[in-house]
Amino acid sequence: MASSSSKHLVVSLLVFVLLFSLSVAGLHEDLGHKKEGEKAKGCHLAGRCGSRADCRQPCAALGRNPYAVKCVSFPGGGNHCCCIDS
């Protein structure tokens, strides 16, 4: 039979692997969520929107082309303006 110390070692190793995988998953999620005004996948996020037309003013306020915009779904919920990098 396995000794008590080897059982503790196996349990400790399993706990470590579980905690490590959870921390990596949390880091990946944090990197995927950008705040407004930050660069994300070829665009700058600039406020909430219901349609593309809602994005012209917020993008112009950031000094971006007010016609190179789109209204995109945001991972945190709702739609946000994407001022497309040109």
C-alpha atoms as a PDB file:
ATOM      1  CA  MET A   1       0.000   0.000   0.000  1.00  0.00           C
ATOM      2  CA  ALA A   2       1.031   3.573  -0.534  1.00  0.00           C
ATOM      3  CA  SER A   3       2.346   5.441   2.420  1.00  0.00           C
ATOM      4  CA  SER A   4       0.506   8.356   3.975  1.00  0.00           C
ATOM      5  CA  SER A   5       3.091  10.862   2.732  1.00  0.00           C
ATOM      6  CA  SER A   6       2.742   9.724  -0.891  1.00  0.00           C
ATOM      7  CA  LYS A   7      -1.050  10.112  -0.652  1.00  0.00           C
ATOM      8  CA  HIS A   8      -0.581  13.670   0.608  1.00  0.00           C
ATOM      9  CA  LEU A   9       1.832  14.352  -2.232  1.00  0.00           C
ATOM     10  CA  VAL A  10      -0.679  13.172  -4.843  1.00  0.00           C
ATOM     11  CA  VAL A  11      -3.496  15.215  -3.290  1.00  0.00           C
ATOM     12  CA  SER A  12      -1.262  18.297  -3.090  1.00  0.00           C
ATOM     13  CA  LEU A  13      -0.265  17.881  -6.722  1.00  0.00           C
ATOM     14  CA  LEU A  14      -3.906  17.613  -7.820  1.00  0.00           C
ATOM     15  CA  VAL A  15      -4.829  20.740  -5.848  1.00  0.00           C
ATOM     16  CA  PHE A  16      -1.906  22.628  -7.400  1.00  0.00           C
ATOM     17  CA  VAL A  17      -2.914  21.629 -10.938  1.00  0.00           C
ATOM     18  CA  LEU A  18      -6.517  22.661 -10.293  1.00  0.00           C
ATOM     19  CA  LEU A  19      -5.554  26.059  -8.861  1.00  0.00           C
ATOM     20  CA  PHE A  20      -3.073  26.692 -11.662  1.00  0.00           C
ATOM     21  CA  SER A  21      -5.639  25.926 -14.369  1.00  0.00           C
ATOM     22  CA  LEU A  22      -8.183  28.228 -12.717  1.00  0.00           C
ATOM     23  CA  SER A  23      -5.689  31.093 -12.506  1.00  0.00           C
ATOM     24  CA  VAL A  24      -4.740  30.717 -16.178  1.00  0.00           C
ATOM     25  CA  ALA A  25      -8.422  30.704 -17.174  1.00  0.00           C
ATOM     26  CA  GLY A  26      -9.005  33.897 -15.154  1.00  0.00           C
ATOM     27  CA  LEU A  27      -6.021  35.613 -16.768  1.00  0.00           C
ATOM     28  CA  HIS A  28      -7.274  34.689 -20.234  1.00  0.00           C
ATOM     29  CA  GLU A  29     -10.707  36.152 -19.440  1.00  0.00           C
ATOM     30  CA  ASP A  30      -9.180  39.402 -18.117  1.00  0.00           C
ATOM     31  CA  LEU A  31      -7.130  39.871 -21.282  1.00  0.00           C
ATOM     32  CA  GLY A  32     -10.205  39.450 -23.454  1.00  0.00           C
ATOM     33  CA  HIS A  33     -12.188  42.234 -21.786  1.00  0.00           C
ATOM     34  CA  LYS A  34     -11.085  45.696 -22.760  1.00  0.00           C
ATOM     35  CA  LYS A  35     -12.303  48.966 -21.310  1.00  0.00           C
ATOM     36  CA  GLU A  36     -13.730  51.771 -23.400  1.00  0.00           C
ATOM     37  CA  GLY A  37     -11.026  53.803 -25.110  1.00  0.00           C
ATOM     38  CA  GLU A  38      -8.596  50.872 -25.184  1.00  0.00           C
ATOM     39  CA  LYS A  39      -7.467  49.262 -28.394  1.00  0.00           C
ATOM     40  CA  ALA A  40      -9.212  45.945 -29.087  1.00  0.00           C
ATOM     41  CA  LYS A  41      -8.907  43.871 -32.276  1.00  0.00           C
ATOM     42  CA  GLY A  42      -8.283  46.696 -34.737  1.00  0.00           C
ATOM     43  CA  CYS A  43     -10.541  49.283 -33.159  1.00  0.00           C
ATOM     44  CA  HIS A  44     -10.916  51.667 -30.255  1.00  0.00           C
ATOM     45  CA  LEU A  45     -13.973  51.157 -28.061  1.00  0.00           C
ATOM     46  CA  ALA A  46     -15.949  54.342 -27.494  1.00  0.00           C
ATOM     47  CA  GLY A  47     -19.245  54.212 -25.636  1.00  0.00           C
ATOM     48  CA  ARG A  48     -22.464  52.256 -25.941  1.00  0.00           C
ATOM     49  CA  CYS A  49     -24.555  52.097 -29.100  1.00  0.00           C
ATOM     50  CA  GLY A  50     -27.760  50.786 -30.585  1.00  0.00           C
ATOM     51  CA  SER A  51     -26.735  51.268 -34.207  1.00  0.00           C
ATOM     52  CA  ARG A  52     -23.764  52.340 -36.296  1.00  0.00           C
ATOM     53  CA  ALA A  53     -25.051  55.924 -36.423  1.00  0.00           C
ATOM     54  CA  ASP A  54     -24.749  56.173 -32.627  1.00  0.00           C
ATOM     55  CA  CYS A  55     -20.976  55.713 -32.970  1.00  0.00           C
ATOM     56  CA  ARG A  56     -20.136  58.707 -35.145  1.00  0.00           C
ATOM     57  CA  GLN A  57     -19.962  61.283 -32.343  1.00  0.00           C
ATOM     58  CA  PRO A  58     -18.035  59.166 -29.779  1.00  0.00           C
ATOM     59  CA  CYS A  59     -15.459  58.173 -32.401  1.00  0.00           C
ATOM     60  CA  ALA A  60     -15.093  61.761 -33.633  1.00  0.00           C
ATOM     61  CA  ALA A  61     -14.520  62.825 -30.007  1.00  0.00           C
ATOM     62  CA  LEU A  62     -11.550  60.417 -29.912  1.00  0.00           C
ATOM     63  CA  GLY A  63     -10.158  62.002 -33.085  1.00  0.00           C
ATOM     64  CA  ARG A  64     -11.147  58.990 -35.187  1.00  0.00           C
ATOM     65  CA  ASN A  65     -12.913  58.884 -38.550  1.00  0.00           C
ATOM     66  CA  PRO A  66     -16.639  59.205 -37.711  1.00  0.00           C
ATOM     67  CA  TYR A  67     -17.582  57.109 -40.752  1.00  0.00           C
ATOM     68  CA  ALA A  68     -15.210  54.188 -40.087  1.00  0.00           C
ATOM     69  CA  VAL A  69     -17.309  52.839 -37.231  1.00  0.00           C
ATOM     70  CA  LYS A  70     -19.394  49.847 -36.291  1.00  0.00           C
ATOM     71  CA  CYS A  71     -21.599  48.855 -33.375  1.00  0.00           C
ATOM     72  CA  VAL A  72     -20.311  45.563 -31.925  1.00  0.00           C
ATOM     73  CA  SER A  73     -21.422  43.266 -29.133  1.00  0.00           C
ATOM     74  CA  PHE A  74     -19.231  43.523 -26.046  1.00  0.00           C
ATOM     75  CA  PRO A  75     -18.183  40.460 -23.984  1.00  0.00           C
ATOM     76  CA  GLY A  76     -19.289  42.189 -20.771  1.00  0.00           C
ATOM     77  CA  GLY A  77     -22.757  42.836 -22.176  1.00  0.00           C
ATOM     78  CA  GLY A  78     -24.412  45.369 -24.432  1.00  0.00           C
ATOM     79  CA  ASN A  79     -23.157  46.921 -27.660  1.00  0.00           C
ATOM     80  CA  HIS A  80     -20.228  49.305 -27.905  1.00  0.00           C
ATOM     81  CA  CYS A  81     -18.878  51.551 -30.632  1.00  0.00           C
ATOM     82  CA  CYS A  82     -15.806  50.338 -32.463  1.00  0.00           C
ATOM     83  CA  CYS A  83     -13.788  53.143 -34.063  1.00  0.00           C
ATOM     84  CA  ILE A  84     -12.001  51.193 -36.792  1.00  0.00           C
ATOM     85  CA  ASP A  85      -8.253  51.745 -37.143  1.00  0.00           C
ATOM     86  CA  SER A  86      -7.376  52.876 -40.643  1.00  0.00           C
END
